[in-house]
Amino acid sequence: MFRIGTSWVRGIVGEGLTSEIAVRFGCAFGSWADGDTVVLGMDSRNSSPMLKSAVISGLMYAGCRIMELDLCSTPLVSFAVRELGAS
């Protein structure tokens, strides 16, 4: 099981939260963003690089441009979204 919140998707990696779910989420968000620039950051968990790659795949499939911030806080991602006028 996983749930979607204000700062992304939450769940136990490998159980409810899989790379397939992350790709699908990326596709869905990318479709909503209509090919706009999307800002993407990650935290320091071991699963973050895998999930980040999966989300990028979905976003790219949807035609989005991706601004990768890598390891950063959620407030920094929010700031970058506002400053860049991103989705």
Protein backbone atom coordinates (compact mmCIF):
# COMPACT_ATOMS: atom_id res chain seq x y z
CA MET A 1 0.00 0.00 0.00
CA PHE A 2 1.12 3.56 -0.67
CA ARG A 3 -0.38 7.00 -0.29
CA ILE A 4 0.09 10.30 -2.07
CA GLY A 5 0.72 13.38 0.04
CA THR A 6 1.89 16.94 -0.38
CA SER A 7 5.53 15.92 -0.63
CA TRP A 8 5.23 12.93 -2.93
CA VAL A 9 4.33 9.28 -2.45
CA ARG A 10 4.76 7.40 0.82
CA GLY A 11 4.99 3.66 1.33
CA ILE A 12 7.28 0.73 2.07
CA VAL A 13 9.69 0.28 -0.82
CA GLY A 14 9.43 -3.15 -2.40
CA GLU A 15 6.01 -3.82 -0.91
CA GLY A 16 3.36 -1.24 -1.79
CA LEU A 17 5.81 1.26 -3.26
CA THR A 18 7.62 -0.24 -6.23
CA SER A 19 9.58 1.11 -9.17
CA GLU A 20 6.56 0.33 -11.36
CA ILE A 21 4.36 2.56 -9.18
CA ALA A 22 7.01 5.30 -9.36
CA VAL A 23 7.13 5.11 -13.17
CA ARG A 24 3.33 5.28 -13.33
CA PHE A 25 3.28 8.23 -10.93
CA GLY A 26 5.89 9.99 -13.08
CA CYS A 27 3.78 9.38 -16.21
CA ALA A 28 0.62 10.62 -14.52
CA PHE A 29 2.26 13.73 -13.09
CA GLY A 30 4.01 14.39 -16.39
CA SER A 31 0.70 14.16 -18.21
CA TRP A 32 -0.84 16.59 -15.74
CA ALA A 33 2.18 18.92 -16.20
CA ASP A 34 1.64 18.75 -19.99
CA GLY A 35 5.36 18.59 -20.84
CA ASP A 36 6.31 21.47 -18.54
CA THR A 37 9.51 21.60 -16.48
CA VAL A 38 9.34 19.44 -13.35
CA VAL A 39 11.66 19.88 -10.36
CA LEU A 40 12.81 16.64 -8.75
CA GLY A 41 14.75 16.20 -5.51
CA MET A 42 15.41 13.22 -3.30
CA ASP A 43 16.22 12.41 0.30
CA SER A 44 19.09 10.31 1.66
CA ARG A 45 17.30 6.95 1.89
CA ASN A 46 18.91 3.99 0.13
CA SER A 47 15.85 3.60 -2.11
CA SER A 48 15.90 7.20 -3.36
CA PRO A 49 18.17 6.71 -6.41
CA MET A 50 16.01 3.82 -7.67
CA LEU A 51 12.77 5.71 -7.16
CA LYS A 52 14.25 8.85 -8.71
CA SER A 53 15.28 6.93 -11.83
CA ALA A 54 11.82 5.39 -12.11
CA VAL A 55 10.07 8.75 -11.75
CA ILE A 56 12.41 10.33 -14.33
CA SER A 57 11.51 7.54 -16.77
CA GLY A 58 7.82 8.32 -16.36
CA LEU A 59 8.33 12.06 -16.64
CA MET A 60 10.44 11.68 -19.77
CA TYR A 61 7.82 9.42 -21.32
CA ALA A 62 5.29 12.19 -20.73
CA GLY A 63 7.59 14.71 -22.46
CA CYS A 64 8.61 16.75 -19.42
CA ARG A 65 11.83 18.65 -18.93
CA ILE A 66 13.39 17.68 -15.60
CA MET A 67 15.38 19.91 -13.26
CA GLU A 68 17.23 17.51 -10.95
CA LEU A 69 18.21 18.87 -7.54
CA ASP A 70 19.46 15.52 -6.22
CA LEU A 71 19.82 15.38 -2.42
CA CYS A 72 17.83 18.26 -0.93
CA SER A 73 15.00 19.18 1.39
CA THR A 74 11.33 19.41 0.43
CA PRO A 75 11.29 23.18 1.11
CA LEU A 76 14.14 23.62 -1.40
CA VAL A 77 12.14 21.75 -4.05
CA SER A 78 9.12 23.98 -3.33
CA PHE A 79 11.31 27.08 -3.62
CA ALA A 80 12.75 25.88 -6.95
CA VAL A 81 9.27 25.16 -8.31
CA ARG A 82 8.18 28.72 -7.52
CA GLU A 83 11.39 30.35 -8.77
CA LEU A 84 11.44 28.39 -12.04
CA GLY A 85 7.71 28.54 -12.62
CA ALA A 86 7.74 24.74 -12.85
CA SER A 87 4.97 22.23 -12.30
